[in-house]
């Protein structure tokens, strides 16, 4: 969604810059020959284009930033994510089992249906079932140049202390100098936002 918005913005901005340059050139060359009314129309046309472009750009950037925030993104697509969890619970969505003993990698990697692929990076989620408890991990965004990740996590028992990703990120990975920055927030019952950066 973010790529689509940015691509649309770049395309629109390119058209606006081309139109502005063309109109300014036309105005500059023919200013003395143009009637006052025509000059005013051209001027207001340029002004309208500039204001419209700025508004469009501001709305696009604001929308992109809104969706970049995990809580906002979650609220916008909560029904879709709950639909994915329900499909996993009922066994309609299945994936590949991992053989690793690592708390994170021992789960099942599940490819999402085409219409829901945008809800997790790479179009995949990880499901971990342990003792009747289901945990589903959505990758929301990467931070910087891959030095961190934001996750949206569903946990059926609502116990944030047992989120497998916390164990993996904090205790299973070697820490070079400082421990990772971890920010865990509860979004609603059974749903959490987790940010881990190094």
Protein backbone atom coordinates (compact mmCIF):
# COMPACT_ATOMS: atom_id res chain seq x y z
CA UNK A 1 0.00 0.00 0.00
CA UNK A 2 2.83 2.39 0.92
CA UNK A 3 4.65 1.68 -2.37
CA UNK A 4 1.44 2.28 -4.31
CA UNK A 5 0.81 5.60 -2.53
CA UNK A 6 4.40 6.78 -3.06
CA UNK A 7 4.37 5.69 -6.71
CA UNK A 8 1.14 7.58 -7.30
CA UNK A 9 2.55 10.66 -5.57
CA UNK A 10 5.74 10.58 -7.67
CA UNK A 11 3.73 10.18 -10.89
CA UNK A 12 1.42 13.05 -9.97
CA UNK A 13 4.32 15.26 -8.83
CA UNK A 14 6.14 14.64 -12.14
CA UNK A 15 3.05 15.71 -14.10
CA UNK A 16 2.60 18.83 -11.95
CA UNK A 17 6.27 19.90 -12.34
CA UNK A 18 6.02 19.39 -16.14
CA UNK A 19 2.77 21.40 -16.30
CA UNK A 20 4.16 24.21 -14.12
CA UNK A 21 7.37 24.52 -16.16
CA UNK A 22 5.37 24.54 -19.40
CA UNK A 23 2.96 27.22 -18.15
CA UNK A 24 5.74 29.39 -16.72
CA UNK A 25 7.64 29.17 -20.03
CA UNK A 26 4.49 30.07 -21.96
CA UNK A 27 3.76 33.00 -19.62
CA UNK A 28 7.36 34.27 -19.82
CA UNK A 29 7.51 34.15 -23.65
CA UNK A 30 4.10 35.63 -24.37
CA UNK A 31 3.56 37.96 -21.40
CA UNK A 32 3.66 41.18 -23.44
CA UNK A 33 1.31 39.79 -26.11
CA UNK A 34 -1.25 38.24 -23.80
CA UNK A 35 -4.37 40.11 -22.83
CA UNK A 36 -4.70 40.94 -19.14
CA UNK A 37 -7.57 38.47 -18.73
CA UNK A 38 -5.60 35.61 -20.28
CA UNK A 39 -2.58 36.42 -18.10
CA UNK A 40 -4.78 36.33 -14.98
CA UNK A 41 -6.28 32.97 -16.00
CA UNK A 42 -2.80 31.51 -16.54
CA UNK A 43 -1.59 32.92 -13.22
CA UNK A 44 -4.56 31.53 -11.27
CA UNK A 45 -4.18 28.21 -13.09
CA UNK A 46 -0.57 28.01 -11.87
CA UNK A 47 -1.57 29.03 -8.34
CA UNK A 48 -4.36 26.43 -8.26
CA UNK A 49 -1.98 23.73 -9.49
CA UNK A 50 0.62 24.59 -6.85
CA UNK A 51 -1.91 24.64 -3.98
CA UNK A 52 -3.54 21.42 -5.24
CA UNK A 53 -0.16 19.72 -5.51
CA UNK A 54 0.83 20.73 -1.98
CA UNK A 55 -2.48 19.51 -0.55
CA UNK A 56 -2.27 16.22 -2.45
CA UNK A 57 1.32 15.71 -1.29
CA UNK A 58 0.44 16.52 2.34
CA UNK A 59 -2.53 14.14 2.31
CA UNK A 60 -0.45 11.35 0.72
CA UNK A 61 2.47 11.73 3.15
CA UNK A 62 0.06 11.96 6.10
CA UNK A 63 -1.71 8.78 4.95
CA UNK A 64 1.59 6.94 4.53
CA UNK A 65 2.78 8.03 8.00
CA UNK A 66 -0.60 7.08 9.51
CA UNK A 67 -0.32 3.51 8.20
CA UNK A 68 3.35 3.31 9.24
CA UNK A 69 2.25 3.50 12.88
CA UNK A 70 1.45 -0.10 13.99
CA UNK A 71 -1.53 0.93 16.15
CA UNK A 72 -3.12 2.93 13.31
CA UNK A 73 -2.46 0.18 10.78
CA UNK A 74 -3.93 -2.39 13.16
CA UNK A 75 -7.08 -0.33 13.74
CA UNK A 76 -7.55 0.16 9.99
CA UNK A 77 -7.33 -3.58 9.24
CA UNK A 78 -8.36 -5.24 12.51
CA UNK A 79 -11.23 -7.24 10.92
CA UNK A 80 -8.94 -8.61 8.21
CA UNK A 81 -6.32 -9.70 10.74
CA UNK A 82 -8.95 -11.32 12.93
CA UNK A 83 -10.22 -13.13 9.83
CA UNK A 84 -6.70 -14.55 9.29
CA UNK A 85 -6.51 -15.72 12.92
CA UNK A 86 -9.96 -17.37 12.60
CA UNK A 87 -8.84 -19.18 9.42
CA UNK A 88 -5.70 -20.44 11.22
CA UNK A 89 -7.76 -21.51 14.28
CA UNK A 90 -10.17 -23.47 12.09
CA UNK A 91 -7.33 -25.11 10.13
CA UNK A 92 -8.35 -23.54 6.79
CA UNK A 93 -4.97 -21.79 6.50
CA UNK A 94 -2.05 -24.19 6.73
CA UNK A 95 1.67 -23.79 6.26
CA UNK A 96 5.07 -25.41 6.52
CA UNK A 97 6.28 -26.70 9.87
CA UNK A 98 9.77 -25.64 10.94
CA UNK A 99 12.19 -28.10 12.52
CA UNK A 100 14.13 -25.53 14.58
CA UNK A 101 14.08 -25.58 18.40
CA UNK A 102 14.20 -21.77 18.43
CA UNK A 103 10.98 -20.42 20.01
CA UNK A 104 10.21 -18.31 16.95
CA UNK A 105 11.28 -20.61 14.11
CA UNK A 106 9.64 -23.74 15.48
CA UNK A 107 6.22 -22.44 14.44
CA UNK A 108 4.47 -22.75 11.12
CA UNK A 109 5.04 -20.28 8.30
CA UNK A 110 1.75 -19.58 6.55
CA UNK A 111 1.30 -17.85 3.20
CA UNK A 112 -1.69 -15.53 3.26
CA UNK A 113 -4.45 -15.58 0.61
CA UNK A 114 -3.81 -13.15 -2.26
CA UNK A 115 -6.30 -10.52 -1.06
CA UNK A 116 -4.74 -10.46 2.44
CA UNK A 117 -1.02 -10.63 1.56
CA UNK A 118 -0.47 -6.93 2.31
CA UNK A 119 -1.23 -7.44 6.01
CA UNK A 120 2.22 -8.91 6.73
CA UNK A 121 5.62 -8.34 5.09
CA UNK A 122 6.34 -10.96 2.45
CA UNK A 123 2.69 -12.05 2.53
CA UNK A 124 3.40 -14.55 5.31
CA UNK A 125 2.64 -14.91 9.03
CA UNK A 126 4.08 -17.26 11.60
CA UNK A 127 1.77 -19.33 13.79
CA UNK A 128 2.99 -21.03 16.96
CA UNK A 129 0.72 -23.48 18.79
CA UNK A 130 1.90 -24.51 22.24
CA UNK A 131 -0.20 -26.23 24.90
CA UNK A 132 -3.52 -25.15 23.40
CA UNK A 133 -2.34 -21.54 23.01
CA UNK A 134 -2.10 -20.00 19.54
CA UNK A 135 0.23 -17.14 18.71
CA UNK A 136 0.15 -15.47 15.28
CA UNK A 137 2.92 -13.05 14.30
CA UNK A 138 2.47 -10.43 11.57
CA UNK A 139 5.54 -8.47 10.44
CA UNK A 140 4.38 -4.86 10.18
CA UNK A 141 7.48 -2.88 9.08
CA UNK A 142 11.24 -2.96 9.20
CA UNK A 143 13.02 -0.14 11.02
CA UNK A 144 15.76 1.82 9.26
CA UNK A 145 18.07 -0.44 7.26
CA UNK A 146 16.85 -3.66 8.87
CA UNK A 147 18.15 -2.82 12.34
CA UNK A 148 14.78 -3.50 13.86
CA UNK A 149 11.25 -4.70 13.18
CA UNK A 150 7.71 -3.83 14.22
CA UNK A 151 5.33 -6.75 14.75
CA UNK A 152 1.60 -7.15 15.32
CA UNK A 153 0.97 -10.22 17.46
CA UNK A 154 -2.15 -12.18 18.36
CA UNK A 155 -1.93 -14.41 21.44
CA UNK A 156 -4.99 -16.46 22.38
CA UNK A 157 -4.24 -16.57 26.13
CA UNK A 158 -3.64 -12.78 26.25
CA UNK A 159 -0.38 -13.34 28.22
CA UNK A 160 2.13 -10.77 26.98
CA UNK A 161 4.91 -12.23 29.17
CA UNK A 162 4.91 -15.45 27.13
CA UNK A 163 5.16 -13.93 23.65
CA UNK A 164 7.75 -16.15 21.95
CA UNK A 165 9.27 -13.27 20.02
CA UNK A 166 10.26 -11.54 23.26
CA UNK A 167 12.15 -14.64 24.40
CA UNK A 168 13.83 -15.00 21.01
CA UNK A 169 14.84 -11.38 20.57
CA UNK A 170 15.99 -10.73 24.12
CA UNK A 171 17.58 -13.98 25.26
CA UNK A 172 18.28 -16.18 22.23
CA UNK A 173 20.12 -13.73 19.98
CA UNK A 174 23.64 -12.68 20.95
CA UNK A 175 23.83 -9.03 21.97
CA UNK A 176 26.99 -7.19 20.90
CA UNK A 177 27.11 -4.08 23.09
CA UNK A 178 23.68 -3.09 24.32
CA UNK A 179 20.49 -5.06 24.76
CA UNK A 180 17.86 -4.39 22.09
CA UNK A 181 15.25 -1.67 22.57
CA UNK A 182 11.92 -3.41 23.10
CA UNK A 183 8.59 -1.60 23.13
CA UNK A 184 5.50 -3.72 23.76
CA UNK A 185 2.01 -2.20 23.65
CA UNK A 186 -1.38 -3.78 24.06
CA UNK A 187 -3.66 -2.82 21.16
CA UNK A 188 -6.79 -4.65 22.33
CA UNK A 189 -7.66 -7.94 24.02
CA UNK A 190 -5.22 -10.64 22.72
CA UNK A 191 -3.49 -8.22 20.32
CA UNK A 192 -0.08 -6.58 20.84
CA UNK A 193 2.32 -4.32 19.02
CA UNK A 194 6.00 -5.15 19.50
CA UNK A 195 8.93 -3.05 18.33
CA UNK A 196 12.45 -4.46 18.58
CA UNK A 197 15.47 -2.44 17.43
CA UNK A 198 19.21 -2.76 17.93
